[in-house]
């Protein structure tokens, strides 16, 4: 089998339907399977898949396992030479699936590949990045990454029209070589919401596999499908995942430094938007409320606290 497409869903029925329709139309002559893992949705997603996509293998989890845990359920059963991790808030266009398989066949040293990903307005999305080092996090806190020349983390100065080896491919649309996955292992389920694909890419690179972005067009990623339901918890979970990354790959001191930098980032944003609110800046009130909630709940962002809360959300 050429390709196993793995999609994890949590209460995004309509997005999932559109995604699956686009996948069905884009498979062409590929020998492929589609595996959907439902993370205990309550919006009728499972019934929709059963009634409208009978060819798809549906796995129902009794609890929300997060991104890593949900994907791993399907990855243990995937039979394709390659696996595509795909978000529900995506649309597959043209022959991207077929072209990606051909590219991977021609590049046997690549363990993880990312195609061109578009925003809803057709602009290119920064779907690959550098590792979120302490230096990059500090620059973000200082506001320097708003300038392209300083944003080497998201690589915003690069238009994604050329092929390049990178540190991280976004899990929204990530092709993985099954032979490489057999060597490296599955996603680390200690990561619940953020950081799991970064950790995985780091492990592939450490094992000698290339991580490559190639401008094969295209997949549209709407963004914030399931994440939009988390509100301020999203930033708390992102902080936990980033801190866990540094604890795992840099040790205790790096983890503490990461946590302190991100604490400063969120407190500074809460102060900035609170001041902007007093000056009647449009949208400031909502942003101030958001970052104040993040700051108040930041004690949960140390690895373990946010995850336990989110699994019961």
Protein backbone atom coordinates (compact mmCIF):
# COMPACT_ATOMS: atom_id res chain seq x y z
CA UNK A 1 0.00 0.00 0.00
CA UNK A 2 1.29 3.45 -0.93
CA UNK A 3 -0.23 5.78 1.64
CA UNK A 4 -2.04 5.72 4.97
CA UNK A 5 -3.84 8.99 5.76
CA UNK A 6 -4.41 9.51 9.48
CA UNK A 7 -6.89 12.13 10.70
CA UNK A 8 -7.66 12.84 14.35
CA UNK A 9 -11.01 14.49 15.05
CA UNK A 10 -12.44 16.23 18.09
CA UNK A 11 -15.84 17.87 17.57
CA UNK A 12 -15.19 19.22 14.05
CA UNK A 13 -17.88 17.35 12.12
CA UNK A 14 -18.34 19.81 9.25
CA UNK A 15 -14.60 20.40 8.78
CA UNK A 16 -14.00 16.65 8.86
CA UNK A 17 -16.63 16.05 6.18
CA UNK A 18 -15.06 18.60 3.82
CA UNK A 19 -11.58 17.25 4.51
CA UNK A 20 -12.59 13.66 3.77
CA UNK A 21 -14.34 14.68 0.55
CA UNK A 22 -11.17 16.42 -0.64
CA UNK A 23 -9.05 13.39 0.29
CA UNK A 24 -11.39 11.07 -1.57
CA UNK A 25 -11.16 13.26 -4.67
CA UNK A 26 -7.37 13.55 -4.44
CA UNK A 27 -6.36 9.90 -4.10
CA UNK A 28 -6.30 9.18 -7.82
CA UNK A 29 -4.70 5.81 -8.53
CA UNK A 30 -2.90 5.56 -5.21
CA UNK A 31 -3.28 2.42 -3.17
CA UNK A 32 -4.32 4.13 0.02
CA UNK A 33 -6.28 3.86 3.23
CA UNK A 34 -7.86 6.55 5.37
CA UNK A 35 -7.99 6.12 9.13
CA UNK A 36 -10.02 8.51 11.28
CA UNK A 37 -9.55 8.56 15.04
CA UNK A 38 -12.35 10.25 16.96
CA UNK A 39 -11.25 11.69 20.32
CA UNK A 40 -14.59 11.26 22.13
CA UNK A 41 -16.51 13.83 20.08
CA UNK A 42 -20.06 14.73 21.06
CA UNK A 43 -21.12 16.49 17.84
CA UNK A 44 -22.17 13.50 15.75
CA UNK A 45 -18.86 13.19 13.89
CA UNK A 46 -18.78 9.40 14.16
CA UNK A 47 -22.29 8.96 12.77
CA UNK A 48 -21.39 11.24 9.87
CA UNK A 49 -18.30 9.20 8.98
CA UNK A 50 -20.21 5.92 9.21
CA UNK A 51 -23.05 7.12 7.00
CA UNK A 52 -21.09 9.10 4.39
CA UNK A 53 -17.64 7.47 4.20
CA UNK A 54 -18.10 3.73 4.50
CA UNK A 55 -14.68 3.02 2.98
CA UNK A 56 -12.91 4.77 5.86
CA UNK A 57 -11.69 2.97 8.96
CA UNK A 58 -13.08 4.75 12.03
CA UNK A 59 -11.58 4.30 15.49
CA UNK A 60 -13.48 5.68 18.48
CA UNK A 61 -11.63 6.67 21.63
CA UNK A 62 -13.59 6.82 24.88
CA UNK A 63 -11.55 9.84 26.00
CA UNK A 64 -9.67 12.72 24.41
CA UNK A 65 -6.17 11.34 23.88
CA UNK A 66 -4.78 14.53 22.36
CA UNK A 67 -2.91 14.80 19.07
CA UNK A 68 -0.15 12.29 19.82
CA UNK A 69 -2.30 9.68 21.50
CA UNK A 70 -4.99 9.88 18.85
CA UNK A 71 -2.57 9.61 15.96
CA UNK A 72 -0.74 6.72 17.57
CA UNK A 73 -3.93 4.67 17.67
CA UNK A 74 -4.02 4.75 13.88
CA UNK A 75 -0.26 4.67 13.28
CA UNK A 76 -0.06 1.26 14.98
CA UNK A 77 -2.42 -0.08 12.32
CA UNK A 78 -1.25 1.90 9.26
CA UNK A 79 -0.12 -0.29 6.36
CA UNK A 80 1.16 2.28 3.88
CA UNK A 81 4.79 2.78 2.86
CA UNK A 82 4.15 6.39 3.80
CA UNK A 83 1.82 8.01 6.34
CA UNK A 84 0.18 11.42 6.09
CA UNK A 85 -0.86 13.11 9.32
CA UNK A 86 -3.65 15.47 8.31
CA UNK A 87 -5.73 17.91 10.36
CA UNK A 88 -9.49 17.97 9.99
CA UNK A 89 -9.35 21.69 9.13
CA UNK A 90 -7.59 21.06 5.82
CA UNK A 91 -8.48 20.58 2.18
CA UNK A 92 -6.40 18.50 -0.22
CA UNK A 93 -5.98 19.97 -3.71
CA UNK A 94 -5.10 18.49 -7.09
CA UNK A 95 -2.55 15.70 -7.22
CA UNK A 96 -0.63 16.66 -4.06
CA UNK A 97 -1.08 13.19 -2.52
CA UNK A 98 0.17 11.39 -5.63
CA UNK A 99 3.00 13.87 -6.18
CA UNK A 100 4.12 13.54 -2.56
CA UNK A 101 4.36 9.76 -2.83
CA UNK A 102 6.37 10.08 -6.05
CA UNK A 103 8.71 12.62 -4.41
CA UNK A 104 9.27 10.39 -1.39
CA UNK A 105 10.03 7.43 -3.68
CA UNK A 106 12.71 9.56 -5.37
CA UNK A 107 14.21 10.84 -2.08
CA UNK A 108 14.92 7.80 0.12
CA UNK A 109 16.95 9.76 2.71
CA UNK A 110 13.94 11.86 3.70
CA UNK A 111 12.06 10.67 6.78
CA UNK A 112 9.57 13.56 7.06
CA UNK A 113 8.29 15.78 4.27
CA UNK A 114 5.99 18.79 4.22
CA UNK A 115 4.19 20.05 1.07
CA UNK A 116 3.11 23.62 0.37
CA UNK A 117 0.32 24.65 2.74
CA UNK A 118 -1.95 27.59 2.01
CA UNK A 119 -4.07 29.95 4.07
CA UNK A 120 -7.71 30.34 3.10
CA UNK A 121 -6.88 33.42 1.03
CA UNK A 122 -4.35 31.47 -1.03
CA UNK A 123 -1.24 32.91 0.59
CA UNK A 124 1.48 30.53 1.69
CA UNK A 125 1.36 29.38 5.30
CA UNK A 126 4.63 28.99 7.28
CA UNK A 127 4.09 25.24 7.77
CA UNK A 128 7.71 24.49 8.66
CA UNK A 129 10.07 26.11 11.10
CA UNK A 130 13.27 25.96 13.06
CA UNK A 131 13.38 24.36 16.51
CA UNK A 132 11.91 26.82 19.08
CA UNK A 133 15.22 27.52 20.83
CA UNK A 134 15.51 29.69 23.93
CA UNK A 135 16.99 32.42 21.74
CA UNK A 136 14.00 32.42 19.40
CA UNK A 137 11.58 32.44 22.35
CA UNK A 138 13.39 35.41 23.89
CA UNK A 139 13.25 37.30 20.59
CA UNK A 140 9.52 36.59 20.39
CA UNK A 141 9.01 37.96 23.90
CA UNK A 142 10.90 41.12 22.94
CA UNK A 143 8.70 41.51 19.86
CA UNK A 144 11.62 41.18 17.43
CA UNK A 145 10.05 38.32 15.46
CA UNK A 146 7.51 40.76 14.06
CA UNK A 147 10.30 41.83 11.73
CA UNK A 148 11.09 39.28 9.02
CA UNK A 149 14.83 39.73 9.25
CA UNK A 150 14.69 38.54 12.88
CA UNK A 151 12.10 35.79 12.39
CA UNK A 152 14.40 32.87 11.58
CA UNK A 153 12.17 30.64 13.72
CA UNK A 154 9.13 30.80 11.42
CA UNK A 155 11.33 31.59 8.40
CA UNK A 156 8.94 34.33 7.27
CA UNK A 157 11.58 35.81 4.96
CA UNK A 158 11.42 32.70 2.76
CA UNK A 159 8.54 32.43 0.29
CA UNK A 160 8.42 28.60 0.31
CA UNK A 161 8.92 28.41 -3.45
CA UNK A 162 12.07 26.31 -3.08
CA UNK A 163 12.97 23.01 -1.47
CA UNK A 164 14.83 23.16 1.83
CA UNK A 165 15.86 21.01 4.78
CA UNK A 166 14.23 22.32 7.94
CA UNK A 167 13.96 21.40 11.62
CA UNK A 168 10.20 20.97 11.92
CA UNK A 169 7.26 20.16 9.66
CA UNK A 170 3.80 21.08 10.91
CA UNK A 171 1.64 18.15 12.00
CA UNK A 172 -1.28 19.71 10.12
CA UNK A 173 0.05 18.09 6.92
CA UNK A 174 3.07 15.86 7.51
CA UNK A 175 4.21 12.97 5.32
CA UNK A 176 6.27 10.34 7.17
CA UNK A 177 8.22 7.38 5.79
CA UNK A 178 6.99 4.25 7.57
CA UNK A 179 10.45 2.64 7.51
CA UNK A 180 11.83 5.68 9.33
CA UNK A 181 8.96 5.61 11.81
CA UNK A 182 9.71 1.96 12.57
CA UNK A 183 13.22 3.05 13.55
CA UNK A 184 12.34 6.23 15.46
CA UNK A 185 9.10 5.14 17.12
CA UNK A 186 5.67 6.73 17.45
CA UNK A 187 4.74 10.18 18.72
CA UNK A 188 5.52 10.84 22.38
CA UNK A 189 2.17 10.79 24.18
CA UNK A 190 3.55 12.87 27.05
CA UNK A 191 2.84 15.78 24.66
CA UNK A 192 -0.90 16.44 24.62
CA UNK A 193 -1.53 19.43 22.37
CA UNK A 194 1.68 21.13 21.21
CA UNK A 195 5.27 20.11 20.62
CA UNK A 196 4.66 16.52 19.60
CA UNK A 197 5.58 16.97 15.93
CA UNK A 198 8.58 19.12 16.92
CA UNK A 199 9.82 16.39 19.23
CA UNK A 200 9.18 13.77 16.53
CA UNK A 201 11.09 15.71 13.87
CA UNK A 202 13.96 16.18 16.30
CA UNK A 203 14.08 12.42 16.84
CA UNK A 204 14.00 11.68 13.10
CA UNK A 205 16.88 14.11 12.55
CA UNK A 206 18.86 12.59 15.43
CA UNK A 207 18.44 9.19 13.78
CA UNK A 208 19.94 10.55 10.55
CA UNK A 209 16.77 11.16 8.51
CA UNK A 210 16.23 14.36 6.54
CA UNK A 211 13.33 16.73 7.34
CA UNK A 212 12.39 18.46 4.09
CA UNK A 213 9.92 21.08 2.92
CA UNK A 214 9.15 20.79 -0.79
CA UNK A 215 6.79 23.17 -2.64
CA UNK A 216 4.46 20.46 -3.93
CA UNK A 217 1.05 22.18 -4.15
CA UNK A 218 -1.10 22.21 -2.17
CA UNK A 219 -3.10 21.70 1.00
CA UNK A 220 -5.24 24.46 2.50
CA UNK A 221 -5.12 24.72 6.29
CA UNK A 222 -7.85 26.82 7.86
CA UNK A 223 -6.30 26.75 11.33
CA UNK A 224 -7.82 26.56 14.80
CA UNK A 225 -10.25 23.73 14.06
CA UNK A 226 -10.31 21.91 17.39
CA UNK A 227 -7.94 24.43 18.97
CA UNK A 228 -10.51 27.24 18.69
CA UNK A 229 -12.63 25.46 21.30
CA UNK A 230 -9.83 25.68 23.89
CA UNK A 231 -9.81 29.51 24.23
CA UNK A 232 -7.09 30.65 26.67
CA UNK A 233 -6.26 27.02 27.49
CA UNK A 234 -4.62 26.82 24.08
CA UNK A 235 -1.79 29.16 25.10
CA UNK A 236 -1.38 27.35 28.42
CA UNK A 237 -1.11 24.02 26.60
CA UNK A 238 1.31 25.47 24.05
CA UNK A 239 3.51 26.69 26.89
CA UNK A 240 3.42 23.28 28.53
CA UNK A 241 4.38 21.57 25.27
CA UNK A 242 7.24 23.99 24.59
CA UNK A 243 8.56 23.64 28.14
CA UNK A 244 8.35 19.86 27.87
CA UNK A 245 10.40 20.03 24.65
CA UNK A 246 13.19 21.88 26.40
CA UNK A 247 13.10 19.60 29.43
CA UNK A 248 13.37 16.56 27.16
CA UNK A 249 16.01 17.80 24.75
CA UNK A 250 17.89 20.37 26.84
CA UNK A 251 17.55 19.25 30.45
CA UNK A 252 16.09 20.84 33.63
CA UNK A 253 17.84 24.20 33.29
CA UNK A 254 16.62 24.65 29.70
CA UNK A 255 13.10 23.70 30.81
CA UNK A 256 13.08 26.25 33.62
CA UNK A 257 14.50 28.96 31.34
CA UNK A 258 11.84 28.21 28.71
CA UNK A 259 9.08 28.41 31.31
CA UNK A 260 10.36 31.74 32.66
CA UNK A 261 10.69 33.26 29.18
CA UNK A 262 7.16 32.26 28.26
CA UNK A 263 5.85 33.48 31.63
CA UNK A 264 7.40 36.88 30.86
CA UNK A 265 5.90 36.80 27.35
CA UNK A 266 2.35 36.23 28.57
CA UNK A 267 2.54 38.71 31.46
CA UNK A 268 3.95 41.39 29.15
CA UNK A 269 1.15 40.75 26.65
CA UNK A 270 -1.46 40.98 29.39
CA UNK A 271 -0.01 44.33 30.51
CA UNK A 272 0.25 45.68 26.95
CA UNK A 273 -3.32 44.82 25.98
CA UNK A 274 -4.71 46.03 29.31
CA UNK A 275 -3.08 49.40 28.67
CA UNK A 276 -4.34 49.38 25.09
CA UNK A 277 -7.82 48.73 26.42
CA UNK A 278 -7.64 51.91 28.49
CA UNK A 279 -6.71 53.75 25.29
CA UNK A 280 -9.78 52.28 23.52
CA UNK A 281 -7.71 50.42 20.95
CA UNK A 282 -9.98 48.18 18.79
CA UNK A 283 -9.94 44.55 19.90
CA UNK A 284 -7.82 45.29 22.95
CA UNK A 285 -10.46 44.28 25.49
CA UNK A 286 -10.74 40.73 24.16
CA UNK A 287 -6.97 40.32 23.94
CA UNK A 288 -6.50 41.70 27.43
CA UNK A 289 -9.03 39.23 28.84
CA UNK A 290 -7.34 36.40 26.97
CA UNK A 291 -3.80 37.06 28.19
CA UNK A 292 -4.96 37.84 31.72
CA UNK A 293 -6.62 34.41 31.84
CA UNK A 294 -3.47 32.83 30.47
CA UNK A 295 -1.34 34.58 33.10
CA UNK A 296 -3.67 33.59 35.94
CA UNK A 297 -3.59 29.95 34.83
CA UNK A 298 0.09 29.86 34.01
CA UNK A 299 0.96 27.66 36.98
CA UNK A 300 -0.78 24.86 35.05
CA UNK A 301 1.68 25.26 32.17
CA UNK A 302 4.47 23.41 33.92
CA UNK A 303 4.47 19.94 32.27
CA UNK A 304 1.68 17.81 33.69
CA UNK A 305 -0.71 20.44 35.00
CA UNK A 306 -2.31 21.61 31.76
CA UNK A 307 -2.45 18.12 30.27
CA UNK A 308 -4.40 16.62 33.16
CA UNK A 309 -6.91 19.46 32.93
CA UNK A 310 -7.27 19.27 29.12
CA UNK A 311 -7.91 15.53 29.02
CA UNK A 312 -11.09 16.10 30.94
CA UNK A 313 -12.21 19.14 28.93
